[in-house]
Amino acid sequence: MNIVKTLSFTLLLAALSTAALAGNAVYSIRVDGLACPYCAYGIEKKLNAIEGVRFRDMDLEKGIVTVETHDVTLSDEQLKQLFQDAGFTYRSKQVTAQ
């Protein structure tokens, strides 16, 4: 009986850990081709259209777009397509859990 309880507890912890990993995160996304505030507005609209994503900031000089996510993961493929559709080149992302 103790084995069943231990196994159940372990499975519960694994499920909770997975839920925590899908929680909040901040993405710093490096993009080439950003030059003006109009660029920022178009990208902001595209990112905010993704459920669970909120645009935070854009540094045009450094080419960094920052977003927050809640219970969603942004893949490299998804970001590459989004920025390509907007006329920019996706380079990389850095993810920080919150």
PDB file of N, CA and C in Angstrom:
ATOM      1  N   MET A   1       0.815  -1.190   0.000  1.00  0.00           N
ATOM      2  CA  MET A   1       0.000   0.000   0.000  1.00  0.00           C
ATOM      3  C   MET A   1       0.861   1.256   0.000  1.00  0.00           C
ATOM      4  N   ASN A   2       1.999   1.251   0.689  1.00  0.00           N
ATOM      5  CA  ASN A   2       2.888   2.404   0.730  1.00  0.00           C
ATOM      6  C   ASN A   2       3.453   2.723  -0.650  1.00  0.00           C
ATOM      7  N   ILE A   3       3.683   1.717  -1.449  1.00  0.00           N
ATOM      8  CA  ILE A   3       4.200   1.925  -2.802  1.00  0.00           C
ATOM      9  C   ILE A   3       3.184   2.686  -3.643  1.00  0.00           C
ATOM     10  N   VAL A   4       1.920   2.345  -3.501  1.00  0.00           N
ATOM     11  CA  VAL A   4       0.862   3.024  -4.245  1.00  0.00           C
ATOM     12  C   VAL A   4       0.792   4.492  -3.829  1.00  0.00           C
ATOM     13  N   LYS A   5       0.859   4.764  -2.531  1.00  0.00           N
ATOM     14  CA  LYS A   5       0.827   6.143  -2.042  1.00  0.00           C
ATOM     15  C   LYS A   5       2.036   6.921  -2.543  1.00  0.00           C
ATOM     16  N   THR A   6       3.202   6.309  -2.497  1.00  0.00           N
ATOM     17  CA  THR A   6       4.422   6.967  -2.955  1.00  0.00           C
ATOM     18  C   THR A   6       4.342   7.269  -4.445  1.00  0.00           C
ATOM     19  N   LEU A   7       3.871   6.315  -5.221  1.00  0.00           N
ATOM     20  CA  LEU A   7       3.733   6.505  -6.652  1.00  0.00           C
ATOM     21  C   LEU A   7       2.726   7.604  -6.966  1.00  0.00           C
ATOM     22  N   SER A   8       1.610   7.604  -6.252  1.00  0.00           N
ATOM     23  CA  SER A   8       0.589   8.638  -6.450  1.00  0.00           C
ATOM     24  C   SER A   8       1.147  10.017  -6.124  1.00  0.00           C
ATOM     25  N   PHE A   9       1.875  10.116  -5.033  1.00  0.00           N
ATOM     26  CA  PHE A   9       2.473  11.384  -4.632  1.00  0.00           C
ATOM     27  C   PHE A   9       3.493  11.852  -5.674  1.00  0.00           C
ATOM     28  N   THR A  10       4.302  10.941  -6.176  1.00  0.00           N
ATOM     29  CA  THR A  10       5.296  11.272  -7.195  1.00  0.00           C
ATOM     30  C   THR A  10       4.629  11.781  -8.472  1.00  0.00           C
ATOM     31  N   LEU A  11       3.562  11.121  -8.891  1.00  0.00           N
ATOM     32  CA  LEU A  11       2.833  11.557 -10.080  1.00  0.00           C
ATOM     33  C   LEU A  11       2.205  12.932  -9.876  1.00  0.00           C
ATOM     34  N   LEU A  12       1.683  13.178  -8.683  1.00  0.00           N
ATOM     35  CA  LEU A  12       1.105  14.485  -8.368  1.00  0.00           C
ATOM     36  C   LEU A  12       2.167  15.574  -8.435  1.00  0.00           C
ATOM     37  N   LEU A  13       3.327  15.327  -7.868  1.00  0.00           N
ATOM     38  CA  LEU A  13       4.422  16.303  -7.923  1.00  0.00           C
ATOM     39  C   LEU A  13       4.862  16.564  -9.364  1.00  0.00           C
ATOM     40  N   ALA A  14       4.933  15.533 -10.172  1.00  0.00           N
ATOM     41  CA  ALA A  14       5.320  15.699 -11.574  1.00  0.00           C
ATOM     42  C   ALA A  14       4.301  16.554 -12.315  1.00  0.00           C
ATOM     43  N   ALA A  15       3.029  16.332 -12.059  1.00  0.00           N
ATOM     44  CA  ALA A  15       1.974  17.118 -12.709  1.00  0.00           C
ATOM     45  C   ALA A  15       2.057  18.580 -12.284  1.00  0.00           C
ATOM     46  N   LEU A  16       2.284  18.828 -11.016  1.00  0.00           N
ATOM     47  CA  LEU A  16       2.402  20.205 -10.530  1.00  0.00           C
ATOM     48  C   LEU A  16       3.643  20.887 -11.093  1.00  0.00           C
ATOM     49  N   SER A  17       4.736  20.157 -11.210  1.00  0.00           N
ATOM     50  CA  SER A  17       5.960  20.724 -11.776  1.00  0.00           C
ATOM     51  C   SER A  17       5.754  21.103 -13.225  1.00  0.00           C
ATOM     52  N   THR A  18       5.070  20.268 -13.982  1.00  0.00           N
ATOM     53  CA  THR A  18       4.789  20.566 -15.388  1.00  0.00           C
ATOM     54  C   THR A  18       3.922  21.801 -15.502  1.00  0.00           C
ATOM     55  N   ALA A  19       2.938  21.937 -14.646  1.00  0.00           N
ATOM     56  CA  ALA A  19       2.073  23.119 -14.667  1.00  0.00           C
ATOM     57  C   ALA A  19       2.880  24.365 -14.348  1.00  0.00           C
ATOM     58  N   ALA A  20       3.822  24.256 -13.424  1.00  0.00           N
ATOM     59  CA  ALA A  20       4.651  25.413 -13.075  1.00  0.00           C
ATOM     60  C   ALA A  20       5.533  25.814 -14.249  1.00  0.00           C
ATOM     61  N   LEU A  21       6.039  24.854 -14.996  1.00  0.00           N
ATOM     62  CA  LEU A  21       6.886  25.159 -16.144  1.00  0.00           C
ATOM     63  C   LEU A  21       6.107  25.872 -17.237  1.00  0.00           C
ATOM     64  N   ALA A  22       4.823  25.608 -17.347  1.00  0.00           N
ATOM     65  CA  ALA A  22       3.996  26.247 -18.367  1.00  0.00           C
ATOM     66  C   ALA A  22       3.452  27.582 -17.878  1.00  0.00           C
ATOM     67  N   GLY A  23       3.925  28.049 -16.730  1.00  0.00           N
ATOM     68  CA  GLY A  23       3.429  29.285 -16.136  1.00  0.00           C
ATOM     69  C   GLY A  23       3.909  30.523 -16.867  1.00  0.00           C
ATOM     70  N   ASN A  24       4.275  31.525 -16.109  1.00  0.00           N
ATOM     71  CA  ASN A  24       4.681  32.800 -16.673  1.00  0.00           C
ATOM     72  C   ASN A  24       6.149  32.794 -17.079  1.00  0.00           C
ATOM     73  N   ALA A  25       6.432  33.473 -18.180  1.00  0.00           N
ATOM     74  CA  ALA A  25       7.808  33.614 -18.646  1.00  0.00           C
ATOM     75  C   ALA A  25       7.941  34.942 -19.376  1.00  0.00           C
ATOM     76  N   VAL A  26       9.169  35.425 -19.429  1.00  0.00           N
ATOM     77  CA  VAL A  26       9.487  36.624 -20.205  1.00  0.00           C
ATOM     78  C   VAL A  26      10.425  36.195 -21.322  1.00  0.00           C
ATOM     79  N   TYR A  27      10.062  36.560 -22.545  1.00  0.00           N
ATOM     80  CA  TYR A  27      10.874  36.243 -23.719  1.00  0.00           C
ATOM     81  C   TYR A  27      11.557  37.523 -24.195  1.00  0.00           C
ATOM     82  N   SER A  28      12.862  37.461 -24.377  1.00  0.00           N
ATOM     83  CA  SER A  28      13.622  38.518 -25.048  1.00  0.00           C
ATOM     84  C   SER A  28      13.953  37.958 -26.421  1.00  0.00           C
ATOM     85  N   ILE A  29      13.367  38.552 -27.442  1.00  0.00           N
ATOM     86  CA  ILE A  29      13.455  38.003 -28.795  1.00  0.00           C
ATOM     87  C   ILE A  29      14.307  38.931 -29.644  1.00  0.00           C
ATOM     88  N   ARG A  30      15.375  38.377 -30.222  1.00  0.00           N
ATOM     89  CA  ARG A  30      16.267  39.166 -31.069  1.00  0.00           C
ATOM     90  C   ARG A  30      15.773  39.101 -32.511  1.00  0.00           C
ATOM     91  N   VAL A  31      15.592  40.305 -33.109  1.00  0.00           N
ATOM     92  CA  VAL A  31      15.021  40.419 -34.444  1.00  0.00           C
ATOM     93  C   VAL A  31      15.833  41.426 -35.259  1.00  0.00           C
ATOM     94  N   ASP A  32      16.088  41.100 -36.510  1.00  0.00           N
ATOM     95  CA  ASP A  32      16.760  42.037 -37.415  1.00  0.00           C
ATOM     96  C   ASP A  32      15.729  42.787 -38.244  1.00  0.00           C
ATOM     97  N   GLY A  33      16.031  44.074 -38.534  1.00  0.00           N
ATOM     98  CA  GLY A  33      15.194  44.849 -39.430  1.00  0.00           C
ATOM     99  C   GLY A  33      14.277  45.847 -38.754  1.00  0.00           C
ATOM    100  N   LEU A  34      14.316  45.910 -37.430  1.00  0.00           N
ATOM    101  CA  LEU A  34      13.465  46.858 -36.708  1.00  0.00           C
ATOM    102  C   LEU A  34      14.060  48.258 -36.853  1.00  0.00           C
ATOM    103  N   ALA A  35      13.254  49.210 -37.327  1.00  0.00           N
ATOM    104  CA  ALA A  35      13.808  50.534 -37.571  1.00  0.00           C
ATOM    105  C   ALA A  35      12.944  51.688 -37.084  1.00  0.00           C
ATOM    106  N   CYS A  36      11.652  51.482 -36.869  1.00  0.00           N
ATOM    107  CA  CYS A  36      10.795  52.624 -36.550  1.00  0.00           C
ATOM    108  C   CYS A  36       9.667  52.221 -35.606  1.00  0.00           C
ATOM    109  N   PRO A  37       9.027  53.207 -34.970  1.00  0.00           N
ATOM    110  CA  PRO A  37       7.906  52.909 -34.070  1.00  0.00           C
ATOM    111  C   PRO A  37       6.742  52.205 -34.779  1.00  0.00           C
ATOM    112  N   TYR A  38       6.565  52.443 -36.046  1.00  0.00           N
ATOM    113  CA  TYR A  38       5.503  51.764 -36.780  1.00  0.00           C
ATOM    114  C   TYR A  38       5.750  50.252 -36.802  1.00  0.00           C
ATOM    115  N   CYS A  39       7.048  49.877 -36.920  1.00  0.00           N
ATOM    116  CA  CYS A  39       7.417  48.455 -36.857  1.00  0.00           C
ATOM    117  C   CYS A  39       6.973  47.863 -35.523  1.00  0.00           C
ATOM    118  N   ALA A  40       7.225  48.611 -34.466  1.00  0.00           N
ATOM    119  CA  ALA A  40       6.873  48.149 -33.124  1.00  0.00           C
ATOM    120  C   ALA A  40       5.379  47.922 -33.012  1.00  0.00           C
ATOM    121  N   TYR A  41       4.588  48.824 -33.549  1.00  0.00           N
ATOM    122  CA  TYR A  41       3.139  48.702 -33.450  1.00  0.00           C
ATOM    123  C   TYR A  41       2.632  47.448 -34.179  1.00  0.00           C
ATOM    124  N   GLY A  42       3.131  47.198 -35.375  1.00  0.00           N
ATOM    125  CA  GLY A  42       2.702  46.023 -36.134  1.00  0.00           C
ATOM    126  C   GLY A  42       3.053  44.724 -35.432  1.00  0.00           C
ATOM    127  N   ILE A  43       4.249  44.661 -34.878  1.00  0.00           N
ATOM    128  CA  ILE A  43       4.680  43.455 -34.168  1.00  0.00           C
ATOM    129  C   ILE A  43       3.898  43.306 -32.866  1.00  0.00           C
ATOM    130  N   GLU A  44       3.669  44.416 -32.183  1.00  0.00           N
ATOM    131  CA  GLU A  44       2.887  44.378 -30.948  1.00  0.00           C
ATOM    132  C   GLU A  44       1.508  43.771 -31.205  1.00  0.00           C
ATOM    133  N   LYS A  45       0.854  44.182 -32.277  1.00  0.00           N
ATOM    134  CA  LYS A  45      -0.468  43.641 -32.614  1.00  0.00           C
ATOM    135  C   LYS A  45      -0.402  42.144 -32.882  1.00  0.00           C
ATOM    136  N   LYS A  46       0.600  41.695 -33.636  1.00  0.00           N
ATOM    137  CA  LYS A  46       0.721  40.269 -33.957  1.00  0.00           C
ATOM    138  C   LYS A  46       0.967  39.431 -32.701  1.00  0.00           C
ATOM    139  N   LEU A  47       1.825  39.922 -31.818  1.00  0.00           N
ATOM    140  CA  LEU A  47       2.135  39.171 -30.600  1.00  0.00           C
ATOM    141  C   LEU A  47       0.952  39.155 -29.640  1.00  0.00           C
ATOM    142  N   ASN A  48       0.286  40.285 -29.490  1.00  0.00           N
ATOM    143  CA  ASN A  48      -0.872  40.342 -28.595  1.00  0.00           C
ATOM    144  C   ASN A  48      -2.041  39.502 -29.098  1.00  0.00           C
ATOM    145  N   ALA A  49      -2.046  39.165 -30.377  1.00  0.00           N
ATOM    146  CA  ALA A  49      -3.109  38.329 -30.939  1.00  0.00           C
ATOM    147  C   ALA A  49      -2.968  36.867 -30.522  1.00  0.00           C
ATOM    148  N   ILE A  50      -1.807  36.492 -30.006  1.00  0.00           N
ATOM    149  CA  ILE A  50      -1.577  35.124 -29.532  1.00  0.00           C
ATOM    150  C   ILE A  50      -2.090  35.039 -28.095  1.00  0.00           C
ATOM    151  N   GLU A  51      -3.026  34.130 -27.856  1.00  0.00           N
ATOM    152  CA  GLU A  51      -3.592  33.992 -26.513  1.00  0.00           C
ATOM    153  C   GLU A  51      -2.494  33.638 -25.515  1.00  0.00           C
ATOM    154  N   GLY A  52      -2.457  34.367 -24.407  1.00  0.00           N
ATOM    155  CA  GLY A  52      -1.467  34.122 -23.365  1.00  0.00           C
ATOM    156  C   GLY A  52      -0.187  34.911 -23.546  1.00  0.00           C
ATOM    157  N   VAL A  53      -0.122  35.777 -24.574  1.00  0.00           N
ATOM    158  CA  VAL A  53       1.079  36.579 -24.831  1.00  0.00           C
ATOM    159  C   VAL A  53       0.729  38.049 -24.680  1.00  0.00           C
ATOM    160  N   ARG A  54       1.616  38.797 -24.002  1.00  0.00           N
ATOM    161  CA  ARG A  54       1.428  40.238 -23.851  1.00  0.00           C
ATOM    162  C   ARG A  54       2.725  40.949 -24.197  1.00  0.00           C
ATOM    163  N   PHE A  55       2.645  41.833 -25.184  1.00  0.00           N
ATOM    164  CA  PHE A  55       3.787  42.650 -25.591  1.00  0.00           C
ATOM    165  C   PHE A  55       4.197  43.539 -24.428  1.00  0.00           C
ATOM    166  N   ARG A  56       5.506  43.633 -24.182  1.00  0.00           N
ATOM    167  CA  ARG A  56       6.019  44.475 -23.103  1.00  0.00           C
ATOM    168  C   ARG A  56       6.776  45.680 -23.626  1.00  0.00           C
ATOM    169  N   ASP A  57       7.756  45.417 -24.512  1.00  0.00           N
ATOM    170  CA  ASP A  57       8.663  46.491 -24.903  1.00  0.00           C
ATOM    171  C   ASP A  57       9.408  46.103 -26.174  1.00  0.00           C
ATOM    172  N   MET A  58       9.943  47.134 -26.833  1.00  0.00           N
ATOM    173  CA  MET A  58      10.788  46.897 -27.995  1.00  0.00           C
ATOM    174  C   MET A  58      11.935  47.893 -27.970  1.00  0.00           C
ATOM    175  N   ASP A  59      13.154  47.389 -28.084  1.00  0.00           N
ATOM    176  CA  ASP A  59      14.347  48.235 -28.170  1.00  0.00           C
ATOM    177  C   ASP A  59      14.789  48.221 -29.622  1.00  0.00           C
ATOM    178  N   LEU A  60      14.450  49.292 -30.354  1.00  0.00           N
ATOM    179  CA  LEU A  60      14.756  49.346 -31.785  1.00  0.00           C
ATOM    180  C   LEU A  60      16.261  49.335 -32.036  1.00  0.00           C
ATOM    181  N   GLU A  61      17.032  50.004 -31.188  1.00  0.00           N
ATOM    182  CA  GLU A  61      18.488  50.061 -31.358  1.00  0.00           C
ATOM    183  C   GLU A  61      19.125  48.688 -31.255  1.00  0.00           C
ATOM    184  N   LYS A  62      18.702  47.921 -30.268  1.00  0.00           N
ATOM    185  CA  LYS A  62      19.281  46.596 -30.035  1.00  0.00           C
ATOM    186  C   LYS A  62      18.570  45.494 -30.805  1.00  0.00           C
ATOM    187  N   GLY A  63      17.380  45.776 -31.330  1.00  0.00           N
ATOM    188  CA  GLY A  63      16.625  44.752 -32.047  1.00  0.00           C
ATOM    189  C   GLY A  63      16.067  43.683 -31.125  1.00  0.00           C
ATOM    190  N   ILE A  64      15.603  44.123 -29.948  1.00  0.00           N
ATOM    191  CA  ILE A  64      15.071  43.186 -28.955  1.00  0.00           C
ATOM    192  C   ILE A  64      13.589  43.482 -28.708  1.00  0.00           C
ATOM    193  N   VAL A  65      12.775  42.452 -28.833  1.00  0.00           N
ATOM    194  CA  VAL A  65      11.347  42.533 -28.533  1.00  0.00           C
ATOM    195  C   VAL A  65      11.130  41.723 -27.254  1.00  0.00           C
ATOM    196  N   THR A  66      10.415  42.305 -26.283  1.00  0.00           N
ATOM    197  CA  THR A  66      10.167  41.625 -25.017  1.00  0.00           C
ATOM    198  C   THR A  66       8.673  41.396 -24.844  1.00  0.00           C
ATOM    199  N   VAL A  67       8.323  40.153 -24.523  1.00  0.00           N
ATOM    200  CA  VAL A  67       6.931  39.794 -24.265  1.00  0.00           C
ATOM    201  C   VAL A  67       6.853  38.966 -22.998  1.00  0.00           C
ATOM    202  N   GLU A  68       5.673  38.973 -22.383  1.00  0.00           N
ATOM    203  CA  GLU A  68       5.354  38.088 -21.265  1.00  0.00           C
ATOM    204  C   GLU A  68       4.421  37.012 -21.786  1.00  0.00           C
ATOM    205  N   THR A  69       4.565  35.819 -21.250  1.00  0.00           N
ATOM    206  CA  THR A  69       3.620  34.762 -21.593  1.00  0.00           C
ATOM    207  C   THR A  69       3.014  34.180 -20.320  1.00  0.00           C
ATOM    208  N   HIS A  70       1.813  33.679 -20.456  1.00  0.00           N
ATOM    209  CA  HIS A  70       1.142  33.004 -19.354  1.00  0.00           C
ATOM    210  C   HIS A  70       0.551  31.702 -19.896  1.00  0.00           C
ATOM    211  N   ASP A  71       1.064  30.602 -19.419  1.00  0.00           N
ATOM    212  CA  ASP A  71       0.598  29.265 -19.805  1.00  0.00           C
ATOM    213  C   ASP A  71       0.704  29.006 -21.302  1.00  0.00           C
ATOM    214  N   VAL A  72       1.738  29.558 -21.934  1.00  0.00           N
ATOM    215  CA  VAL A  72       1.973  29.310 -23.353  1.00  0.00           C
ATOM    216  C   VAL A  72       3.485  29.306 -23.587  1.00  0.00           C
ATOM    217  N   THR A  73       3.911  28.493 -24.529  1.00  0.00           N
ATOM    218  CA  THR A  73       5.315  28.432 -24.920  1.00  0.00           C
ATOM    219  C   THR A  73       5.419  28.862 -26.374  1.00  0.00           C
ATOM    220  N   LEU A  74       6.353  29.767 -26.659  1.00  0.00           N
ATOM    221  CA  LEU A  74       6.572  30.226 -28.029  1.00  0.00           C
ATOM    222  C   LEU A  74       7.755  29.461 -28.620  1.00  0.00           C
ATOM    223  N   SER A  75       7.511  28.753 -29.697  1.00  0.00           N
ATOM    224  CA  SER A  75       8.569  27.966 -30.327  1.00  0.00           C
ATOM    225  C   SER A  75       9.370  28.833 -31.299  1.00  0.00           C
ATOM    226  N   ASP A  76      10.572  28.380 -31.608  1.00  0.00           N
ATOM    227  CA  ASP A  76      11.394  29.076 -32.595  1.00  0.00           C
ATOM    228  C   ASP A  76      10.682  29.144 -33.942  1.00  0.00           C
ATOM    229  N   GLU A  77      10.042  28.044 -34.336  1.00  0.00           N
ATOM    230  CA  GLU A  77       9.344  28.004 -35.620  1.00  0.00           C
ATOM    231  C   GLU A  77       8.205  29.019 -35.658  1.00  0.00           C
ATOM    232  N   GLN A  78       7.444  29.092 -34.575  1.00  0.00           N
ATOM    233  CA  GLN A  78       6.327  30.028 -34.493  1.00  0.00           C
ATOM    234  C   GLN A  78       6.817  31.474 -34.576  1.00  0.00           C
ATOM    235  N   LEU A  79       7.880  31.787 -33.841  1.00  0.00           N
ATOM    236  CA  LEU A  79       8.416  33.150 -33.857  1.00  0.00           C
ATOM    237  C   LEU A  79       9.038  33.486 -35.216  1.00  0.00           C
ATOM    238  N   LYS A  80       9.739  32.533 -35.800  1.00  0.00           N
ATOM    239  CA  LYS A  80      10.334  32.759 -37.111  1.00  0.00           C
ATOM    240  C   LYS A  80       9.252  33.118 -38.126  1.00  0.00           C
ATOM    241  N   GLN A  81       8.150  32.371 -38.130  1.00  0.00           N
ATOM    242  CA  GLN A  81       7.056  32.619 -39.072  1.00  0.00           C
ATOM    243  C   GLN A  81       6.379  33.965 -38.798  1.00  0.00           C
ATOM    244  N   LEU A  82       6.137  34.261 -37.529  1.00  0.00           N
ATOM    245  CA  LEU A  82       5.480  35.512 -37.163  1.00  0.00           C
ATOM    246  C   LEU A  82       6.286  36.715 -37.650  1.00  0.00           C
ATOM    247  N   PHE A  83       7.585  36.713 -37.377  1.00  0.00           N
ATOM    248  CA  PHE A  83       8.414  37.852 -37.772  1.00  0.00           C
ATOM    249  C   PHE A  83       8.648  37.889 -39.280  1.00  0.00           C
ATOM    250  N   GLN A  84       8.757  36.729 -39.901  1.00  0.00           N
ATOM    251  CA  GLN A  84       8.900  36.685 -41.360  1.00  0.00           C
ATOM    252  C   GLN A  84       7.655  37.270 -42.023  1.00  0.00           C
ATOM    253  N   ASP A  85       6.473  36.904 -41.527  1.00  0.00           N
ATOM    254  CA  ASP A  85       5.223  37.446 -42.068  1.00  0.00           C
ATOM    255  C   ASP A  85       5.146  38.962 -41.900  1.00  0.00           C
ATOM    256  N   ALA A  86       5.800  39.481 -40.866  1.00  0.00           N
ATOM    257  CA  ALA A  86       5.793  40.925 -40.609  1.00  0.00           C
ATOM    258  C   ALA A  86       6.923  41.644 -41.347  1.00  0.00           C
ATOM    259  N   GLY A  87       7.785  40.882 -42.034  1.00  0.00           N
ATOM    260  CA  GLY A  87       8.860  41.487 -42.812  1.00  0.00           C
ATOM    261  C   GLY A  87      10.182  41.630 -42.080  1.00  0.00           C
ATOM    262  N   PHE A  88      10.371  40.846 -41.012  1.00  0.00           N
ATOM    263  CA  PHE A  88      11.599  40.922 -40.219  1.00  0.00           C
ATOM    264  C   PHE A  88      12.243  39.547 -40.126  1.00  0.00           C
ATOM    265  N   THR A  89      13.469  39.515 -39.594  1.00  0.00           N
ATOM    266  CA  THR A  89      14.196  38.258 -39.468  1.00  0.00           C
ATOM    267  C   THR A  89      14.366  37.905 -37.997  1.00  0.00           C
ATOM    268  N   TYR A  90      13.776  36.790 -37.588  1.00  0.00           N
ATOM    269  CA  TYR A  90      13.918  36.271 -36.227  1.00  0.00           C
ATOM    270  C   TYR A  90      15.301  35.659 -36.093  1.00  0.00           C
ATOM    271  N   ARG A  91      16.018  36.012 -35.021  1.00  0.00           N
ATOM    272  CA  ARG A  91      17.359  35.463 -34.793  1.00  0.00           C
ATOM    273  C   ARG A  91      17.417  34.478 -33.625  1.00  0.00           C
ATOM    274  N   SER A  92      16.882  34.877 -32.478  1.00  0.00           N
ATOM    275  CA  SER A  92      16.980  34.006 -31.303  1.00  0.00           C
ATOM    276  C   SER A  92      16.035  34.491 -30.215  1.00  0.00           C
ATOM    277  N   LYS A  93      15.930  33.679 -29.175  1.00  0.00           N
ATOM    278  CA  LYS A  93      15.110  34.061 -28.022  1.00  0.00           C
ATOM    279  C   LYS A  93      15.825  33.651 -26.749  1.00  0.00           C
ATOM    280  N   GLN A  94      15.542  34.379 -25.696  1.00  0.00           N
ATOM    281  CA  GLN A  94      16.027  34.052 -24.374  1.00  0.00           C
ATOM    282  C   GLN A  94      14.795  34.042 -23.475  1.00  0.00           C
ATOM    283  N   VAL A  95      14.612  32.971 -22.734  1.00  0.00           N
ATOM    284  CA  VAL A  95      13.407  32.812 -21.912  1.00  0.00           C
ATOM    285  C   VAL A  95      13.803  32.829 -20.448  1.00  0.00           C
ATOM    286  N   THR A  96      13.076  33.644 -19.673  1.00  0.00           N
ATOM    287  CA  THR A  96      13.292  33.721 -18.230  1.00  0.00           C
ATOM    288  C   THR A  96      11.971  33.413 -17.546  1.00  0.00           C
ATOM    289  N   ALA A  97      11.975  32.400 -16.686  1.00  0.00           N
ATOM    290  CA  ALA A  97      10.753  32.057 -15.949  1.00  0.00           C
ATOM    291  C   ALA A  97      10.477  33.107 -14.899  1.00  0.00           C
ATOM    292  N   GLN A  98       9.203  33.359 -14.641  1.00  0.00           N
ATOM    293  CA  GLN A  98       8.818  34.318 -13.603  1.00  0.00           C
ATOM    294  C   GLN A  98       8.168  33.614 -12.461  1.00  0.00           C
TER     295      GLN A  98
END
